[in-house]
Amino acid sequence: MVEEFYTTKVLPHSIKFYLPRTEGYMDVVKEIASKYRSMSLIEFDGYFEGKFEPEKYTRLEVHAEIMEVQQIIEYANKIRIKLKQNSIGLEVDNKLILVVKR
């Protein structure tokens, strides 16, 4: 009988960024990839901020073992500014958070 030894690791925290496909988008994706090392990307048409015409968005999802929610929100605000957006959405452990320009 052959036994295989393995370990498992559960990453309890999920972070999903909703990123518009605008100038600077790929820089944000590369930055997040280097920070978390793995992620999933799902592209979709978004109808945010009451707009009737769709825009291309990507949901970028990462998982983390340790997470500080306030730091994630501050990071999302930096992304919002970098992408020149009035608002940006993210989900932290399945709770939707909108970061909106004052």
PDB file of N, CA and C in Angstrom:
ATOM      1  N   MET A   1       0.840  -1.175   0.000  1.00  0.00           N
ATOM      2  CA  MET A   1       0.000   0.000   0.000  1.00  0.00           C
ATOM      3  C   MET A   1       0.889   1.243   0.000  1.00  0.00           C
ATOM      4  N   VAL A   2       0.606   2.168  -0.895  1.00  0.00           N
ATOM      5  CA  VAL A   2       1.378   3.401  -1.002  1.00  0.00           C
ATOM      6  C   VAL A   2       0.613   4.517  -0.292  1.00  0.00           C
ATOM      7  N   GLU A   3       1.311   5.159   0.636  1.00  0.00           N
ATOM      8  CA  GLU A   3       0.697   6.282   1.340  1.00  0.00           C
ATOM      9  C   GLU A   3       1.317   7.570   0.825  1.00  0.00           C
ATOM     10  N   GLU A   4       0.485   8.537   0.577  1.00  0.00           N
ATOM     11  CA  GLU A   4       0.962   9.851   0.185  1.00  0.00           C
ATOM     12  C   GLU A   4       0.728  10.802   1.342  1.00  0.00           C
ATOM     13  N   PHE A   5       1.747  11.554   1.664  1.00  0.00           N
ATOM     14  CA  PHE A   5       1.627  12.520   2.736  1.00  0.00           C
ATOM     15  C   PHE A   5       1.342  13.883   2.130  1.00  0.00           C
ATOM     16  N   TYR A   6       0.447  14.584   2.746  1.00  0.00           N
ATOM     17  CA  TYR A   6       0.108  15.909   2.246  1.00  0.00           C
ATOM     18  C   TYR A   6      -0.398  16.770   3.398  1.00  0.00           C
ATOM     19  N   THR A   7      -0.407  18.041   3.151  1.00  0.00           N
ATOM     20  CA  THR A   7      -0.961  18.984   4.118  1.00  0.00           C
ATOM     21  C   THR A   7      -1.994  19.836   3.394  1.00  0.00           C
ATOM     22  N   THR A   8      -2.880  20.395   4.160  1.00  0.00           N
ATOM     23  CA  THR A   8      -3.860  21.315   3.595  1.00  0.00           C
ATOM     24  C   THR A   8      -3.771  22.638   4.337  1.00  0.00           C
ATOM     25  N   LYS A   9      -4.177  23.670   3.664  1.00  0.00           N
ATOM     26  CA  LYS A   9      -4.169  24.988   4.268  1.00  0.00           C
ATOM     27  C   LYS A   9      -5.449  25.688   3.841  1.00  0.00           C
ATOM     28  N   VAL A  10      -6.181  26.191   4.800  1.00  0.00           N
ATOM     29  CA  VAL A  10      -7.409  26.906   4.516  1.00  0.00           C
ATOM     30  C   VAL A  10      -7.136  28.395   4.671  1.00  0.00           C
ATOM     31  N   LEU A  11      -7.440  29.136   3.626  1.00  0.00           N
ATOM     32  CA  LEU A  11      -7.309  30.587   3.671  1.00  0.00           C
ATOM     33  C   LEU A  11      -8.711  31.151   3.894  1.00  0.00           C
ATOM     34  N   PRO A  12      -8.999  31.603   5.108  1.00  0.00           N
ATOM     35  CA  PRO A  12     -10.369  31.917   5.487  1.00  0.00           C
ATOM     36  C   PRO A  12     -10.939  33.223   4.942  1.00  0.00           C
ATOM     37  N   HIS A  13     -10.093  34.104   4.423  1.00  0.00           N
ATOM     38  CA  HIS A  13     -10.580  35.413   4.006  1.00  0.00           C
ATOM     39  C   HIS A  13     -10.564  35.556   2.493  1.00  0.00           C
ATOM     40  N   SER A  14     -11.657  36.063   1.961  1.00  0.00           N
ATOM     41  CA  SER A  14     -11.810  36.287   0.533  1.00  0.00           C
ATOM     42  C   SER A  14     -11.921  37.783   0.278  1.00  0.00           C
ATOM     43  N   ILE A  15     -11.179  38.265  -0.725  1.00  0.00           N
ATOM     44  CA  ILE A  15     -11.236  39.676  -1.118  1.00  0.00           C
ATOM     45  C   ILE A  15     -11.484  39.712  -2.618  1.00  0.00           C
ATOM     46  N   LYS A  16     -12.546  40.412  -3.023  1.00  0.00           N
ATOM     47  CA  LYS A  16     -12.892  40.536  -4.442  1.00  0.00           C
ATOM     48  C   LYS A  16     -12.904  42.023  -4.788  1.00  0.00           C
ATOM     49  N   PHE A  17     -12.078  42.403  -5.748  1.00  0.00           N
ATOM     50  CA  PHE A  17     -12.033  43.776  -6.241  1.00  0.00           C
ATOM     51  C   PHE A  17     -12.786  43.826  -7.564  1.00  0.00           C
ATOM     52  N   TYR A  18     -13.630  44.823  -7.745  1.00  0.00           N
ATOM     53  CA  TYR A  18     -14.338  45.030  -8.999  1.00  0.00           C
ATOM     54  C   TYR A  18     -13.637  46.170  -9.731  1.00  0.00           C
ATOM     55  N   LEU A  19     -12.835  45.822 -10.728  1.00  0.00           N
ATOM     56  CA  LEU A  19     -11.958  46.780 -11.391  1.00  0.00           C
ATOM     57  C   LEU A  19     -12.449  47.111 -12.797  1.00  0.00           C
ATOM     58  N   PRO A  20     -12.584  48.401 -13.107  1.00  0.00           N
ATOM     59  CA  PRO A  20     -12.921  48.773 -14.480  1.00  0.00           C
ATOM     60  C   PRO A  20     -11.716  48.574 -15.379  1.00  0.00           C
ATOM     61  N   ARG A  21     -11.973  48.194 -16.605  1.00  0.00           N
ATOM     62  CA  ARG A  21     -10.882  47.975 -17.572  1.00  0.00           C
ATOM     63  C   ARG A  21     -10.477  49.312 -18.173  1.00  0.00           C
ATOM     64  N   THR A  22      -9.807  50.134 -17.380  1.00  0.00           N
ATOM     65  CA  THR A  22      -9.368  51.450 -17.818  1.00  0.00           C
ATOM     66  C   THR A  22      -7.847  51.496 -17.828  1.00  0.00           C
ATOM     67  N   GLU A  23      -7.307  52.616 -18.264  1.00  0.00           N
ATOM     68  CA  GLU A  23      -5.862  52.790 -18.287  1.00  0.00           C
ATOM     69  C   GLU A  23      -5.299  52.608 -16.879  1.00  0.00           C
ATOM     70  N   GLY A  24      -4.269  51.815 -16.756  1.00  0.00           N
ATOM     71  CA  GLY A  24      -3.656  51.533 -15.467  1.00  0.00           C
ATOM     72  C   GLY A  24      -4.151  50.248 -14.823  1.00  0.00           C
ATOM     73  N   TYR A  25      -5.169  49.650 -15.414  1.00  0.00           N
ATOM     74  CA  TYR A  25      -5.778  48.434 -14.873  1.00  0.00           C
ATOM     75  C   TYR A  25      -4.762  47.295 -14.726  1.00  0.00           C
ATOM     76  N   MET A  26      -3.958  47.064 -15.765  1.00  0.00           N
ATOM     77  CA  MET A  26      -3.005  45.947 -15.718  1.00  0.00           C
ATOM     78  C   MET A  26      -1.929  46.167 -14.650  1.00  0.00           C
ATOM     79  N   ASP A  27      -1.562  47.400 -14.383  1.00  0.00           N
ATOM     80  CA  ASP A  27      -0.593  47.677 -13.318  1.00  0.00           C
ATOM     81  C   ASP A  27      -1.162  47.257 -11.962  1.00  0.00           C
ATOM     82  N   VAL A  28      -2.455  47.521 -11.758  1.00  0.00           N
ATOM     83  CA  VAL A  28      -3.115  47.127 -10.505  1.00  0.00           C
ATOM     84  C   VAL A  28      -3.148  45.603 -10.399  1.00  0.00           C
ATOM     85  N   VAL A  29      -3.497  44.925 -11.489  1.00  0.00           N
ATOM     86  CA  VAL A  29      -3.547  43.455 -11.481  1.00  0.00           C
ATOM     87  C   VAL A  29      -2.174  42.879 -11.146  1.00  0.00           C
ATOM     88  N   LYS A  30      -1.124  43.406 -11.758  1.00  0.00           N
ATOM     89  CA  LYS A  30       0.235  42.914 -11.490  1.00  0.00           C
ATOM     90  C   LYS A  30       0.640  43.157 -10.037  1.00  0.00           C
ATOM     91  N   GLU A  31       0.266  44.312  -9.500  1.00  0.00           N
ATOM     92  CA  GLU A  31       0.592  44.643  -8.107  1.00  0.00           C
ATOM     93  C   GLU A  31      -0.093  43.680  -7.141  1.00  0.00           C
ATOM     94  N   ILE A  32      -1.374  43.407  -7.380  1.00  0.00           N
ATOM     95  CA  ILE A  32      -2.113  42.489  -6.512  1.00  0.00           C
ATOM     96  C   ILE A  32      -1.559  41.074  -6.656  1.00  0.00           C
ATOM     97  N   ALA A  33      -1.228  40.667  -7.878  1.00  0.00           N
ATOM     98  CA  ALA A  33      -0.664  39.328  -8.106  1.00  0.00           C
ATOM     99  C   ALA A  33       0.652  39.154  -7.361  1.00  0.00           C
ATOM    100  N   SER A  34       1.476  40.193  -7.344  1.00  0.00           N
ATOM    101  CA  SER A  34       2.753  40.072  -6.643  1.00  0.00           C
ATOM    102  C   SER A  34       2.564  40.035  -5.126  1.00  0.00           C
ATOM    103  N   LYS A  35       1.504  40.663  -4.652  1.00  0.00           N
ATOM    104  CA  LYS A  35       1.250  40.695  -3.208  1.00  0.00           C
ATOM    105  C   LYS A  35       0.643  39.380  -2.699  1.00  0.00           C
ATOM    106  N   TYR A  36      -0.311  38.816  -3.457  1.00  0.00           N
ATOM    107  CA  TYR A  36      -1.035  37.627  -2.998  1.00  0.00           C
ATOM    108  C   TYR A  36      -0.592  36.344  -3.691  1.00  0.00           C
ATOM    109  N   ARG A  37       0.159  36.447  -4.775  1.00  0.00           N
ATOM    110  CA  ARG A  37       0.733  35.322  -5.518  1.00  0.00           C
ATOM    111  C   ARG A  37      -0.255  34.520  -6.336  1.00  0.00           C
ATOM    112  N   SER A  38      -1.521  34.505  -5.985  1.00  0.00           N
ATOM    113  CA  SER A  38      -2.491  33.792  -6.805  1.00  0.00           C
ATOM    114  C   SER A  38      -3.818  34.542  -6.757  1.00  0.00           C
ATOM    115  N   MET A  39      -4.567  34.394  -7.836  1.00  0.00           N
ATOM    116  CA  MET A  39      -5.834  35.105  -7.913  1.00  0.00           C
ATOM    117  C   MET A  39      -6.668  34.487  -9.011  1.00  0.00           C
ATOM    118  N   SER A  40      -7.926  34.865  -9.051  1.00  0.00           N
ATOM    119  CA  SER A  40      -8.778  34.496 -10.173  1.00  0.00           C
ATOM    120  C   SER A  40      -9.351  35.773 -10.758  1.00  0.00           C
ATOM    121  N   LEU A  41      -9.550  35.756 -12.064  1.00  0.00           N
ATOM    122  CA  LEU A  41     -10.100  36.908 -12.774  1.00  0.00           C
ATOM    123  C   LEU A  41     -11.342  36.470 -13.532  1.00  0.00           C
ATOM    124  N   ILE A  42     -12.419  37.228 -13.391  1.00  0.00           N
ATOM    125  CA  ILE A  42     -13.642  36.987 -14.143  1.00  0.00           C
ATOM    126  C   ILE A  42     -14.025  38.301 -14.795  1.00  0.00           C
ATOM    127  N   GLU A  43     -14.171  38.298 -16.116  1.00  0.00           N
ATOM    128  CA  GLU A  43     -14.548  39.511 -16.835  1.00  0.00           C
ATOM    129  C   GLU A  43     -16.058  39.539 -17.029  1.00  0.00           C
ATOM    130  N   PHE A  44     -16.630  40.761 -16.944  1.00  0.00           N
ATOM    131  CA  PHE A  44     -18.070  40.914 -17.137  1.00  0.00           C
ATOM    132  C   PHE A  44     -18.385  42.343 -17.562  1.00  0.00           C
ATOM    133  N   ASP A  45     -19.614  42.538 -18.053  1.00  0.00           N
ATOM    134  CA  ASP A  45     -20.093  43.877 -18.360  1.00  0.00           C
ATOM    135  C   ASP A  45     -20.733  44.440 -17.098  1.00  0.00           C
ATOM    136  N   GLY A  46     -20.327  45.642 -16.703  1.00  0.00           N
ATOM    137  CA  GLY A  46     -20.846  46.252 -15.487  1.00  0.00           C
ATOM    138  C   GLY A  46     -21.739  47.436 -15.790  1.00  0.00           C
ATOM    139  N   TYR A  47     -22.765  47.583 -14.976  1.00  0.00           N
ATOM    140  CA  TYR A  47     -23.689  48.704 -15.094  1.00  0.00           C
ATOM    141  C   TYR A  47     -23.713  49.426 -13.748  1.00  0.00           C
ATOM    142  N   PHE A  48     -22.605  50.067 -13.414  1.00  0.00           N
ATOM    143  CA  PHE A  48     -22.478  50.710 -12.121  1.00  0.00           C
ATOM    144  C   PHE A  48     -22.773  52.204 -12.225  1.00  0.00           C
ATOM    145  N   GLU A  49     -23.002  52.815 -11.099  1.00  0.00           N
ATOM    146  CA  GLU A  49     -23.232  54.253 -10.983  1.00  0.00           C
ATOM    147  C   GLU A  49     -24.410  54.718 -11.843  1.00  0.00           C
ATOM    148  N   GLY A  50     -25.425  53.875 -11.995  1.00  0.00           N
ATOM    149  CA  GLY A  50     -26.635  54.252 -12.717  1.00  0.00           C
ATOM    150  C   GLY A  50     -26.471  54.383 -14.215  1.00  0.00           C
ATOM    151  N   LYS A  51     -25.403  53.858 -14.781  1.00  0.00           N
ATOM    152  CA  LYS A  51     -25.160  53.966 -16.220  1.00  0.00           C
ATOM    153  C   LYS A  51     -25.948  52.896 -16.973  1.00  0.00           C
ATOM    154  N   PHE A  52     -26.417  53.266 -18.167  1.00  0.00           N
ATOM    155  CA  PHE A  52     -27.171  52.328 -18.988  1.00  0.00           C
ATOM    156  C   PHE A  52     -26.300  51.605 -20.000  1.00  0.00           C
ATOM    157  N   GLU A  53     -25.148  52.184 -20.310  1.00  0.00           N
ATOM    158  CA  GLU A  53     -24.215  51.543 -21.229  1.00  0.00           C
ATOM    159  C   GLU A  53     -23.228  50.708 -20.421  1.00  0.00           C
ATOM    160  N   PRO A  54     -22.997  49.468 -20.822  1.00  0.00           N
ATOM    161  CA  PRO A  54     -22.085  48.619 -20.042  1.00  0.00           C
ATOM    162  C   PRO A  54     -20.635  49.046 -20.191  1.00  0.00           C
ATOM    163  N   GLU A  55     -19.883  48.803 -19.160  1.00  0.00           N
ATOM    164  CA  GLU A  55     -18.436  48.967 -19.193  1.00  0.00           C
ATOM    165  C   GLU A  55     -17.823  47.613 -18.872  1.00  0.00           C
ATOM    166  N   LYS A  56     -16.640  47.383 -19.400  1.00  0.00           N
ATOM    167  CA  LYS A  56     -15.940  46.129 -19.115  1.00  0.00           C
ATOM    168  C   LYS A  56     -15.320  46.214 -17.728  1.00  0.00           C
ATOM    169  N   TYR A  57     -15.592  45.214 -16.921  1.00  0.00           N
ATOM    170  CA  TYR A  57     -15.040  45.114 -15.577  1.00  0.00           C
ATOM    171  C   TYR A  57     -14.403  43.750 -15.402  1.00  0.00           C
ATOM    172  N   THR A  58     -13.545  43.655 -14.413  1.00  0.00           N
ATOM    173  CA  THR A  58     -12.971  42.379 -14.012  1.00  0.00           C
ATOM    174  C   THR A  58     -13.145  42.231 -12.513  1.00  0.00           C
ATOM    175  N   ARG A  59     -13.621  41.067 -12.109  1.00  0.00           N
ATOM    176  CA  ARG A  59     -13.646  40.747 -10.683  1.00  0.00           C
ATOM    177  C   ARG A  59     -12.368  39.984 -10.388  1.00  0.00           C
ATOM    178  N   LEU A  60     -11.534  40.579  -9.583  1.00  0.00           N
ATOM    179  CA  LEU A  60     -10.252  39.986  -9.209  1.00  0.00           C
ATOM    180  C   LEU A  60     -10.410  39.465  -7.784  1.00  0.00           C
ATOM    181  N   GLU A  61     -10.239  38.169  -7.599  1.00  0.00           N
ATOM    182  CA  GLU A  61     -10.441  37.556  -6.281  1.00  0.00           C
ATOM    183  C   GLU A  61      -9.138  36.960  -5.768  1.00  0.00           C
ATOM    184  N   VAL A  62      -8.844  37.276  -4.513  1.00  0.00           N
ATOM    185  CA  VAL A  62      -7.686  36.708  -3.831  1.00  0.00           C
ATOM    186  C   VAL A  62      -8.156  36.170  -2.475  1.00  0.00           C
ATOM    187  N   HIS A  63      -7.339  35.324  -1.906  1.00  0.00           N
ATOM    188  CA  HIS A  63      -7.626  34.758  -0.586  1.00  0.00           C
ATOM    189  C   HIS A  63      -6.429  34.991   0.318  1.00  0.00           C
ATOM    190  N   ALA A  64      -6.716  35.227   1.587  1.00  0.00           N
ATOM    191  CA  ALA A  64      -5.641  35.536   2.529  1.00  0.00           C
ATOM    192  C   ALA A  64      -5.876  34.818   3.852  1.00  0.00           C
ATOM    193  N   GLU A  65      -4.786  34.520   4.513  1.00  0.00           N
ATOM    194  CA  GLU A  65      -4.875  33.890   5.829  1.00  0.00           C
ATOM    195  C   GLU A  65      -5.128  34.944   6.903  1.00  0.00           C
ATOM    196  N   ILE A  66      -4.447  36.075   6.771  1.00  0.00           N
ATOM    197  CA  ILE A  66      -4.586  37.176   7.719  1.00  0.00           C
ATOM    198  C   ILE A  66      -4.993  38.414   6.934  1.00  0.00           C
ATOM    199  N   MET A  67      -5.928  39.180   7.503  1.00  0.00           N
ATOM    200  CA  MET A  67      -6.403  40.345   6.774  1.00  0.00           C
ATOM    201  C   MET A  67      -6.847  41.432   7.746  1.00  0.00           C
ATOM    202  N   GLU A  68      -6.486  42.666   7.436  1.00  0.00           N
ATOM    203  CA  GLU A  68      -6.961  43.839   8.165  1.00  0.00           C
ATOM    204  C   GLU A  68      -7.911  44.584   7.240  1.00  0.00           C
ATOM    205  N   VAL A  69      -9.196  44.609   7.566  1.00  0.00           N
ATOM    206  CA  VAL A  69     -10.207  45.179   6.690  1.00  0.00           C
ATOM    207  C   VAL A  69      -9.916  46.647   6.383  1.00  0.00           C
ATOM    208  N   GLN A  70      -9.560  47.429   7.378  1.00  0.00           N
ATOM    209  CA  GLN A  70      -9.315  48.856   7.143  1.00  0.00           C
ATOM    210  C   GLN A  70      -8.155  49.065   6.162  1.00  0.00           C
ATOM    211  N   GLN A  71      -7.127  48.246   6.252  1.00  0.00           N
ATOM    212  CA  GLN A  71      -6.007  48.359   5.313  1.00  0.00           C
ATOM    213  C   GLN A  71      -6.448  48.009   3.891  1.00  0.00           C
ATOM    214  N   ILE A  72      -7.321  47.021   3.757  1.00  0.00           N
ATOM    215  CA  ILE A  72      -7.836  46.636   2.445  1.00  0.00           C
ATOM    216  C   ILE A  72      -8.669  47.780   1.863  1.00  0.00           C
ATOM    217  N   ILE A  73      -9.485  48.431   2.691  1.00  0.00           N
ATOM    218  CA  ILE A  73     -10.304  49.554   2.228  1.00  0.00           C
ATOM    219  C   ILE A  73      -9.407  50.714   1.786  1.00  0.00           C
ATOM    220  N   GLU A  74      -8.379  51.014   2.562  1.00  0.00           N
ATOM    221  CA  GLU A  74      -7.453  52.084   2.187  1.00  0.00           C
ATOM    222  C   GLU A  74      -6.728  51.743   0.883  1.00  0.00           C
ATOM    223  N   TYR A  75      -6.369  50.494   0.706  1.00  0.00           N
ATOM    224  CA  TYR A  75      -5.727  50.054  -0.534  1.00  0.00           C
ATOM    225  C   TYR A  75      -6.696  50.202  -1.700  1.00  0.00           C
ATOM    226  N   ALA A  76      -7.959  49.832  -1.501  1.00  0.00           N
ATOM    227  CA  ALA A  76      -8.961  49.977  -2.555  1.00  0.00           C
ATOM    228  C   ALA A  76      -9.128  51.448  -2.944  1.00  0.00           C
ATOM    229  N   ASN A  77      -9.056  52.347  -1.974  1.00  0.00           N
ATOM    230  CA  ASN A  77      -9.159  53.771  -2.281  1.00  0.00           C
ATOM    231  C   ASN A  77      -7.976  54.220  -3.143  1.00  0.00           C
ATOM    232  N   LYS A  78      -6.779  53.710  -2.868  1.00  0.00           N
ATOM    233  CA  LYS A  78      -5.615  54.039  -3.698  1.00  0.00           C
ATOM    234  C   LYS A  78      -5.821  53.533  -5.127  1.00  0.00           C
ATOM    235  N   ILE A  79      -6.414  52.353  -5.258  1.00  0.00           N
ATOM    236  CA  ILE A  79      -6.716  51.816  -6.592  1.00  0.00           C
ATOM    237  C   ILE A  79      -7.729  52.732  -7.286  1.00  0.00           C
ATOM    238  N   ARG A  80      -8.759  53.150  -6.550  1.00  0.00           N
ATOM    239  CA  ARG A  80      -9.779  54.047  -7.108  1.00  0.00           C
ATOM    240  C   ARG A  80      -9.139  55.305  -7.678  1.00  0.00           C
ATOM    241  N   ILE A  81      -8.233  55.897  -6.915  1.00  0.00           N
ATOM    242  CA  ILE A  81      -7.551  57.118  -7.342  1.00  0.00           C
ATOM    243  C   ILE A  81      -6.666  56.830  -8.558  1.00  0.00           C
ATOM    244  N   LYS A  82      -5.921  55.732  -8.519  1.00  0.00           N
ATOM    245  CA  LYS A  82      -5.020  55.378  -9.626  1.00  0.00           C
ATOM    246  C   LYS A  82      -5.792  55.176 -10.929  1.00  0.00           C
ATOM    247  N   LEU A  83      -6.983  54.583 -10.838  1.00  0.00           N
ATOM    248  CA  LEU A  83      -7.793  54.318 -12.025  1.00  0.00           C
ATOM    249  C   LEU A  83      -8.731  55.476 -12.370  1.00  0.00           C
ATOM    250  N   LYS A  84      -8.625  56.568 -11.616  1.00  0.00           N
ATOM    251  CA  LYS A  84      -9.414  57.788 -11.857  1.00  0.00           C
ATOM    252  C   LYS A  84     -10.915  57.506 -11.848  1.00  0.00           C
ATOM    253  N   GLN A  85     -11.370  56.827 -10.801  1.00  0.00           N
ATOM    254  CA  GLN A  85     -12.781  56.465 -10.664  1.00  0.00           C
ATOM    255  C   GLN A  85     -13.424  57.250  -9.517  1.00  0.00           C
ATOM    256  N   ASN A  86     -14.731  57.474  -9.629  1.00  0.00           N
ATOM    257  CA  ASN A  86     -15.475  58.105  -8.530  1.00  0.00           C
ATOM    258  C   ASN A  86     -15.734  57.109  -7.410  1.00  0.00           C
ATOM    259  N   SER A  87     -15.829  55.837  -7.771  1.00  0.00           N
ATOM    260  CA  SER A  87     -16.081  54.804  -6.764  1.00  0.00           C
ATOM    261  C   SER A  87     -15.453  53.499  -7.218  1.00  0.00           C
ATOM    262  N   ILE A  88     -15.269  52.619  -6.262  1.00  0.00           N
ATOM    263  CA  ILE A  88     -14.780  51.270  -6.562  1.00  0.00           C
ATOM    264  C   ILE A  88     -15.447  50.322  -5.568  1.00  0.00           C
ATOM    265  N   GLY A  89     -15.790  49.148  -6.049  1.00  0.00           N
ATOM    266  CA  GLY A  89     -16.433  48.160  -5.201  1.00  0.00           C
ATOM    267  C   GLY A  89     -15.485  47.022  -4.876  1.00  0.00           C
ATOM    268  N   LEU A  90     -15.664  46.483  -3.678  1.00  0.00           N
ATOM    269  CA  LEU A  90     -14.935  45.287  -3.286  1.00  0.00           C
ATOM    270  C   LEU A  90     -15.788  44.495  -2.319  1.00  0.00           C
ATOM    271  N   GLU A  91     -15.533  43.224  -2.252  1.00  0.00           N
ATOM    272  CA  GLU A  91     -16.196  42.355  -1.280  1.00  0.00           C
ATOM    273  C   GLU A  91     -15.132  41.801  -0.360  1.00  0.00           C
ATOM    274  N   VAL A  92     -15.400  41.889   0.916  1.00  0.00           N
ATOM    275  CA  VAL A  92     -14.516  41.305   1.919  1.00  0.00           C
ATOM    276  C   VAL A  92     -15.343  40.274   2.673  1.00  0.00           C
ATOM    277  N   ASP A  93     -14.966  39.026   2.552  1.00  0.00           N
ATOM    278  CA  ASP A  93     -15.710  37.920   3.169  1.00  0.00           C
ATOM    279  C   ASP A  93     -17.202  38.018   2.843  1.00  0.00           C
ATOM    280  N   ASN A  94     -17.491  38.240   1.553  1.00  0.00           N
ATOM    281  CA  ASN A  94     -18.853  38.299   1.005  1.00  0.00           C
ATOM    282  C   ASN A  94     -19.682  39.483   1.491  1.00  0.00           C
ATOM    283  N   LYS A  95     -19.045  40.534   1.970  1.00  0.00           N
ATOM    284  CA  LYS A  95     -19.737  41.773   2.337  1.00  0.00           C
ATOM    285  C   LYS A  95     -19.298  42.846   1.348  1.00  0.00           C
ATOM    286  N   LEU A  96     -20.258  43.429   0.634  1.00  0.00           N
ATOM    287  CA  LEU A  96     -19.954  44.439  -0.364  1.00  0.00           C
ATOM    288  C   LEU A  96     -19.605  45.762   0.304  1.00  0.00           C
ATOM    289  N   ILE A  97     -18.491  46.359  -0.123  1.00  0.00           N
ATOM    290  CA  ILE A  97     -18.043  47.657   0.374  1.00  0.00           C
ATOM    291  C   ILE A  97     -17.840  48.552  -0.839  1.00  0.00           C
ATOM    292  N   LEU A  98     -18.416  49.739  -0.802  1.00  0.00           N
ATOM    293  CA  LEU A  98     -18.204  50.723  -1.850  1.00  0.00           C
ATOM    294  C   LEU A  98     -17.333  51.837  -1.285  1.00  0.00           C
ATOM    295  N   VAL A  99     -16.262  52.140  -1.991  1.00  0.00           N
ATOM    296  CA  VAL A  99     -15.386  53.240  -1.613  1.00  0.00           C
ATOM    297  C   VAL A  99     -15.689  54.354  -2.608  1.00  0.00           C
ATOM    298  N   VAL A 100     -16.244  55.460  -2.096  1.00  0.00           N
ATOM    299  CA  VAL A 100     -16.746  56.529  -2.949  1.00  0.00           C
ATOM    300  C   VAL A 100     -16.012  57.833  -2.657  1.00  0.00           C
ATOM    301  N   LYS A 101     -15.667  58.546  -3.726  1.00  0.00           N
ATOM    302  CA  LYS A 101     -15.047  59.861  -3.601  1.00  0.00           C
ATOM    303  C   LYS A 101     -16.008  60.811  -2.899  1.00  0.00           C
ATOM    304  N   ARG A 102     -15.490  61.629  -1.987  1.00  0.00           N
ATOM    305  CA  ARG A 102     -16.349  62.608  -1.293  1.00  0.00           C
ATOM    306  C   ARG A 102     -16.718  63.734  -2.194  1.00  0.00           C
TER     307      ARG A 102
END
